[in-house]
């Protein structure tokens, strides 16, 4: 068994025609927008909202608020732990590119945003639940989220990340107003 993990990357465009794969995590926000009767409308509204907000933030050279279009790729990361070619899904992140309508140029955006992980699901749905089973008070295991964080660090330091992305990731996660996450 190898001591190095191998990561493979797949991308799919997140636009109004996006359809989540059958194995996409059910808790993934962008996948949930693309499900149901109003899927296309949900996607179109979300993309319009993102573009409007971005243009509002970049107002100094954008008097009509329509200069930029934010394009998104959903990046799915699979991991091969044993080096035998067998992988399983690990992480999903977004990769953004900004299209400038005035110059007709693409500007590399950030990767990360809306970081999502199957291990996080395990931490919250199984590990946390098992830790608190039959306990009088809620608590968090001492090593809660450690594996999740370590695998992400391995990914960011991997050749797969370095070959596909030139910028460090920006991570947005859900937080609680009554719990402190470290």
C-alpha atoms as a PDB file:
ATOM      1  CA  UNK A   1       0.000   0.000   0.000  1.00  0.00           C
ATOM      2  CA  UNK A   2       1.265   3.480  -0.904  1.00  0.00           C
ATOM      3  CA  UNK A   3       1.647   6.190   1.720  1.00  0.00           C
ATOM      4  CA  UNK A   4       0.541   8.802  -0.819  1.00  0.00           C
ATOM      5  CA  UNK A   5      -3.057   9.318  -1.827  1.00  0.00           C
ATOM      6  CA  UNK A   6      -3.912   9.826  -5.469  1.00  0.00           C
ATOM      7  CA  UNK A   7      -6.657  12.263  -6.355  1.00  0.00           C
ATOM      8  CA  UNK A   8      -8.574  12.446  -9.603  1.00  0.00           C
ATOM      9  CA  UNK A   9     -10.638  15.421 -10.677  1.00  0.00           C
ATOM     10  CA  UNK A  10     -13.803  15.648 -12.759  1.00  0.00           C
ATOM     11  CA  UNK A  11     -15.539  18.875 -13.759  1.00  0.00           C
ATOM     12  CA  UNK A  12     -19.037  19.659 -14.890  1.00  0.00           C
ATOM     13  CA  UNK A  13     -20.381  23.065 -15.851  1.00  0.00           C
ATOM     14  CA  UNK A  14     -22.861  24.522 -13.371  1.00  0.00           C
ATOM     15  CA  UNK A  15     -25.327  26.353 -15.586  1.00  0.00           C
ATOM     16  CA  UNK A  16     -29.075  26.267 -16.197  1.00  0.00           C
ATOM     17  CA  UNK A  17     -28.724  22.900 -17.959  1.00  0.00           C
ATOM     18  CA  UNK A  18     -26.850  21.256 -15.069  1.00  0.00           C
ATOM     19  CA  UNK A  19     -28.175  17.897 -13.924  1.00  0.00           C
ATOM     20  CA  UNK A  20     -26.616  16.281 -10.849  1.00  0.00           C
ATOM     21  CA  UNK A  21     -25.225  12.791 -11.199  1.00  0.00           C
ATOM     22  CA  UNK A  22     -27.077  10.015  -9.400  1.00  0.00           C
ATOM     23  CA  UNK A  23     -24.226   9.718  -6.875  1.00  0.00           C
ATOM     24  CA  UNK A  24     -24.067  13.463  -6.067  1.00  0.00           C
ATOM     25  CA  UNK A  25     -24.442  14.067  -2.351  1.00  0.00           C
ATOM     26  CA  UNK A  26     -28.053  14.778  -1.411  1.00  0.00           C
ATOM     27  CA  UNK A  27     -26.909  17.585   0.907  1.00  0.00           C
ATOM     28  CA  UNK A  28     -25.056  19.475  -1.827  1.00  0.00           C
ATOM     29  CA  UNK A  29     -26.714  22.869  -2.283  1.00  0.00           C
ATOM     30  CA  UNK A  30     -26.033  23.281  -5.986  1.00  0.00           C
ATOM     31  CA  UNK A  31     -27.352  19.791  -6.700  1.00  0.00           C
ATOM     32  CA  UNK A  32     -30.532  20.461  -4.756  1.00  0.00           C
ATOM     33  CA  UNK A  33     -31.216  23.522  -6.910  1.00  0.00           C
ATOM     34  CA  UNK A  34     -31.163  21.244  -9.958  1.00  0.00           C
ATOM     35  CA  UNK A  35     -33.783  18.823  -8.704  1.00  0.00           C
ATOM     36  CA  UNK A  36     -37.545  19.008  -8.976  1.00  0.00           C
ATOM     37  CA  UNK A  37     -40.100  20.547 -11.295  1.00  0.00           C
ATOM     38  CA  UNK A  38     -38.609  24.068 -11.180  1.00  0.00           C
ATOM     39  CA  UNK A  39     -35.001  22.945 -11.583  1.00  0.00           C
ATOM     40  CA  UNK A  40     -34.178  25.070 -14.629  1.00  0.00           C
ATOM     41  CA  UNK A  41     -35.893  28.146 -13.181  1.00  0.00           C
ATOM     42  CA  UNK A  42     -34.104  27.626  -9.839  1.00  0.00           C
ATOM     43  CA  UNK A  43     -30.762  27.398 -11.602  1.00  0.00           C
ATOM     44  CA  UNK A  44     -31.428  30.420 -13.812  1.00  0.00           C
ATOM     45  CA  UNK A  45     -32.550  32.512 -10.814  1.00  0.00           C
ATOM     46  CA  UNK A  46     -29.514  31.489  -8.773  1.00  0.00           C
ATOM     47  CA  UNK A  47     -27.067  32.267 -11.571  1.00  0.00           C
ATOM     48  CA  UNK A  48     -28.763  35.635 -12.182  1.00  0.00           C
ATOM     49  CA  UNK A  49     -28.546  36.445  -8.475  1.00  0.00           C
ATOM     50  CA  UNK A  50     -24.823  35.584  -8.418  1.00  0.00           C
ATOM     51  CA  UNK A  51     -24.113  37.696 -11.507  1.00  0.00           C
ATOM     52  CA  UNK A  52     -26.124  40.636 -10.168  1.00  0.00           C
ATOM     53  CA  UNK A  53     -24.327  40.538  -6.841  1.00  0.00           C
ATOM     54  CA  UNK A  54     -20.900  40.259  -8.466  1.00  0.00           C
ATOM     55  CA  UNK A  55     -21.649  43.177 -10.801  1.00  0.00           C
ATOM     56  CA  UNK A  56     -22.900  45.252  -7.858  1.00  0.00           C
ATOM     57  CA  UNK A  57     -19.595  44.636  -6.070  1.00  0.00           C
ATOM     58  CA  UNK A  58     -17.586  45.541  -9.202  1.00  0.00           C
ATOM     59  CA  UNK A  59     -19.434  48.814  -9.802  1.00  0.00           C
ATOM     60  CA  UNK A  60     -16.515  51.220 -10.441  1.00  0.00           C
ATOM     61  CA  UNK A  61     -16.009  50.178 -14.086  1.00  0.00           C
ATOM     62  CA  UNK A  62     -19.456  48.765 -14.613  1.00  0.00           C
ATOM     63  CA  UNK A  63     -22.061  51.572 -14.796  1.00  0.00           C
ATOM     64  CA  UNK A  64     -24.838  49.346 -16.183  1.00  0.00           C
ATOM     65  CA  UNK A  65     -24.143  46.483 -13.759  1.00  0.00           C
ATOM     66  CA  UNK A  66     -23.869  43.924 -16.534  1.00  0.00           C
ATOM     67  CA  UNK A  67     -20.188  43.754 -17.446  1.00  0.00           C
ATOM     68  CA  UNK A  68     -19.297  40.461 -15.749  1.00  0.00           C
ATOM     69  CA  UNK A  69     -20.642  36.924 -15.853  1.00  0.00           C
ATOM     70  CA  UNK A  70     -19.569  34.460 -13.183  1.00  0.00           C
ATOM     71  CA  UNK A  71     -19.098  30.980 -14.625  1.00  0.00           C
ATOM     72  CA  UNK A  72     -18.949  27.908 -12.397  1.00  0.00           C
ATOM     73  CA  UNK A  73     -17.570  24.404 -12.693  1.00  0.00           C
ATOM     74  CA  UNK A  74     -18.441  21.802 -10.122  1.00  0.00           C
ATOM     75  CA  UNK A  75     -15.226  19.991  -9.323  1.00  0.00           C
ATOM     76  CA  UNK A  76     -15.600  16.461  -7.979  1.00  0.00           C
ATOM     77  CA  UNK A  77     -12.553  14.936  -6.342  1.00  0.00           C
ATOM     78  CA  UNK A  78     -12.127  11.188  -5.989  1.00  0.00           C
ATOM     79  CA  UNK A  79      -9.407   9.603  -3.878  1.00  0.00           C
ATOM     80  CA  UNK A  80      -7.427   6.407  -4.370  1.00  0.00           C
ATOM     81  CA  UNK A  81      -6.064   5.441  -0.972  1.00  0.00           C
ATOM     82  CA  UNK A  82      -4.315   2.187  -1.833  1.00  0.00           C
ATOM     83  CA  UNK A  83      -2.872   3.162  -5.220  1.00  0.00           C
ATOM     84  CA  UNK A  84      -4.761   0.392  -6.995  1.00  0.00           C
ATOM     85  CA  UNK A  85      -6.987   2.540  -9.204  1.00  0.00           C
ATOM     86  CA  UNK A  86     -10.075   2.071  -7.039  1.00  0.00           C
ATOM     87  CA  UNK A  87     -11.461   5.457  -6.056  1.00  0.00           C
ATOM     88  CA  UNK A  88     -14.340   6.846  -4.095  1.00  0.00           C
ATOM     89  CA  UNK A  89     -15.827  10.361  -4.016  1.00  0.00           C
ATOM     90  CA  UNK A  90     -14.328  12.635  -1.400  1.00  0.00           C
ATOM     91  CA  UNK A  91     -14.832  16.350  -2.042  1.00  0.00           C
ATOM     92  CA  UNK A  92     -16.944  18.657  -4.188  1.00  0.00           C
ATOM     93  CA  UNK A  93     -15.989  22.306  -4.677  1.00  0.00           C
ATOM     94  CA  UNK A  94     -16.771  25.079  -7.117  1.00  0.00           C
ATOM     95  CA  UNK A  95     -14.297  26.651  -9.536  1.00  0.00           C
ATOM     96  CA  UNK A  96     -15.218  30.128 -10.723  1.00  0.00           C
ATOM     97  CA  UNK A  97     -14.181  32.030 -13.808  1.00  0.00           C
ATOM     98  CA  UNK A  98     -15.193  35.616 -14.479  1.00  0.00           C
ATOM     99  CA  UNK A  99     -16.077  36.533 -18.046  1.00  0.00           C
ATOM    100  CA  UNK A 100     -15.626  40.225 -18.866  1.00  0.00           C
ATOM    101  CA  UNK A 101     -18.131  41.172 -21.580  1.00  0.00           C
ATOM    102  CA  UNK A 102     -16.278  44.409 -22.390  1.00  0.00           C
ATOM    103  CA  UNK A 103     -12.892  42.793 -23.092  1.00  0.00           C
ATOM    104  CA  UNK A 104     -14.202  39.323 -24.043  1.00  0.00           C
ATOM    105  CA  UNK A 105     -11.622  37.828 -21.687  1.00  0.00           C
ATOM    106  CA  UNK A 106     -11.897  35.248 -18.977  1.00  0.00           C
ATOM    107  CA  UNK A 107     -10.399  36.000 -15.572  1.00  0.00           C
ATOM    108  CA  UNK A 108      -9.450  33.076 -13.390  1.00  0.00           C
ATOM    109  CA  UNK A 109     -11.517  33.039 -10.246  1.00  0.00           C
ATOM    110  CA  UNK A 110     -11.103  31.082  -7.063  1.00  0.00           C
ATOM    111  CA  UNK A 111     -11.596  27.418  -6.358  1.00  0.00           C
ATOM    112  CA  UNK A 112     -13.271  26.249  -3.192  1.00  0.00           C
ATOM    113  CA  UNK A 113     -16.491  28.027  -2.341  1.00  0.00           C
ATOM    114  CA  UNK A 114     -19.230  25.854  -0.970  1.00  0.00           C
ATOM    115  CA  UNK A 115     -16.769  23.153   0.060  1.00  0.00           C
ATOM    116  CA  UNK A 116     -18.545  19.882   0.493  1.00  0.00           C
ATOM    117  CA  UNK A 117     -17.276  16.561   1.681  1.00  0.00           C
ATOM    118  CA  UNK A 118     -18.531  13.059   2.192  1.00  0.00           C
ATOM    119  CA  UNK A 119     -16.394  12.886   5.342  1.00  0.00           C
ATOM    120  CA  UNK A 120     -18.170  15.921   6.740  1.00  0.00           C
ATOM    121  CA  UNK A 121     -21.423  14.054   6.204  1.00  0.00           C
ATOM    122  CA  UNK A 122     -19.958  11.103   8.102  1.00  0.00           C
ATOM    123  CA  UNK A 123     -18.725  13.373  10.915  1.00  0.00           C
ATOM    124  CA  UNK A 124     -22.097  15.025  11.395  1.00  0.00           C
ATOM    125  CA  UNK A 125     -24.446  12.148  10.611  1.00  0.00           C
ATOM    126  CA  UNK A 126     -22.630   9.201  12.164  1.00  0.00           C
ATOM    127  CA  UNK A 127     -19.622  10.128  14.329  1.00  0.00           C
ATOM    128  CA  UNK A 128     -21.342  12.996  16.156  1.00  0.00           C
ATOM    129  CA  UNK A 129     -24.539  11.021  16.584  1.00  0.00           C
ATOM    130  CA  UNK A 130     -22.700   7.962  17.940  1.00  0.00           C
ATOM    131  CA  UNK A 131     -20.612  10.104  20.285  1.00  0.00           C
ATOM    132  CA  UNK A 132     -23.734  11.639  21.823  1.00  0.00           C
ATOM    133  CA  UNK A 133     -25.841   8.492  21.950  1.00  0.00           C
ATOM    134  CA  UNK A 134     -27.168   7.949  25.469  1.00  0.00           C
ATOM    135  CA  UNK A 135     -25.227  10.979  26.780  1.00  0.00           C
ATOM    136  CA  UNK A 136     -26.974  13.433  29.121  1.00  0.00           C
ATOM    137  CA  UNK A 137     -25.457  16.486  27.358  1.00  0.00           C
ATOM    138  CA  UNK A 138     -24.414  17.217  23.813  1.00  0.00           C
ATOM    139  CA  UNK A 139     -20.670  17.344  23.197  1.00  0.00           C
ATOM    140  CA  UNK A 140     -18.248  17.173  20.304  1.00  0.00           C
ATOM    141  CA  UNK A 141     -15.609  14.431  20.030  1.00  0.00           C
ATOM    142  CA  UNK A 142     -12.046  15.655  20.538  1.00  0.00           C
ATOM    143  CA  UNK A 143     -10.982  14.565  17.040  1.00  0.00           C
ATOM    144  CA  UNK A 144     -14.151  15.814  15.349  1.00  0.00           C
ATOM    145  CA  UNK A 145     -13.386  16.869  11.755  1.00  0.00           C
ATOM    146  CA  UNK A 146      -9.703  15.953  11.914  1.00  0.00           C
ATOM    147  CA  UNK A 147      -9.781  13.368   9.120  1.00  0.00           C
ATOM    148  CA  UNK A 148     -11.869  15.707   6.981  1.00  0.00           C
ATOM    149  CA  UNK A 149      -9.305  18.500   7.397  1.00  0.00           C
ATOM    150  CA  UNK A 150      -6.304  16.246   6.874  1.00  0.00           C
ATOM    151  CA  UNK A 151      -7.653  14.809   3.621  1.00  0.00           C
ATOM    152  CA  UNK A 152      -8.405  18.298   2.346  1.00  0.00           C
ATOM    153  CA  UNK A 153      -4.835  19.384   3.172  1.00  0.00           C
ATOM    154  CA  UNK A 154      -3.521  16.334   1.298  1.00  0.00           C
ATOM    155  CA  UNK A 155      -5.662  17.306  -1.684  1.00  0.00           C
ATOM    156  CA  UNK A 156      -4.517  20.950  -1.700  1.00  0.00           C
ATOM    157  CA  UNK A 157      -0.888  19.789  -1.546  1.00  0.00           C
ATOM    158  CA  UNK A 158      -1.353  17.085  -4.195  1.00  0.00           C
ATOM    159  CA  UNK A 159      -0.072  17.156  -7.749  1.00  0.00           C
ATOM    160  CA  UNK A 160      -3.701  16.876  -8.929  1.00  0.00           C
ATOM    161  CA  UNK A 161      -4.540  20.177  -7.224  1.00  0.00           C
ATOM    162  CA  UNK A 162      -1.332  21.874  -8.372  1.00  0.00           C
ATOM    163  CA  UNK A 163      -1.881  20.758 -11.993  1.00  0.00           C
ATOM    164  CA  UNK A 164      -5.491  21.947 -12.095  1.00  0.00           C
ATOM    165  CA  UNK A 165      -5.539  25.120 -10.007  1.00  0.00           C
ATOM    166  CA  UNK A 166      -3.083  28.004  -9.736  1.00  0.00           C
ATOM    167  CA  UNK A 167      -4.695  29.680  -6.721  1.00  0.00           C
ATOM    168  CA  UNK A 168      -5.140  28.526  -3.156  1.00  0.00           C
ATOM    169  CA  UNK A 169      -8.710  27.558  -2.283  1.00  0.00           C
ATOM    170  CA  UNK A 170     -11.249  29.774  -0.589  1.00  0.00           C
ATOM    171  CA  UNK A 171     -13.551  27.789   1.647  1.00  0.00           C
ATOM    172  CA  UNK A 172     -17.044  28.802   2.705  1.00  0.00           C
ATOM    173  CA  UNK A 173     -18.701  26.557   5.259  1.00  0.00           C
ATOM    174  CA  UNK A 174     -21.942  26.627   7.152  1.00  0.00           C
ATOM    175  CA  UNK A 175     -21.612  27.892  10.681  1.00  0.00           C
ATOM    176  CA  UNK A 176     -23.819  28.053  13.711  1.00  0.00           C
ATOM    177  CA  UNK A 177     -24.683  31.084  15.768  1.00  0.00           C
ATOM    178  CA  UNK A 178     -24.774  29.069  18.979  1.00  0.00           C
ATOM    179  CA  UNK A 179     -21.771  26.736  18.507  1.00  0.00           C
ATOM    180  CA  UNK A 180     -18.123  27.574  17.954  1.00  0.00           C
ATOM    181  CA  UNK A 181     -16.320  25.634  15.235  1.00  0.00           C
ATOM    182  CA  UNK A 182     -12.525  25.443  15.199  1.00  0.00           C
END
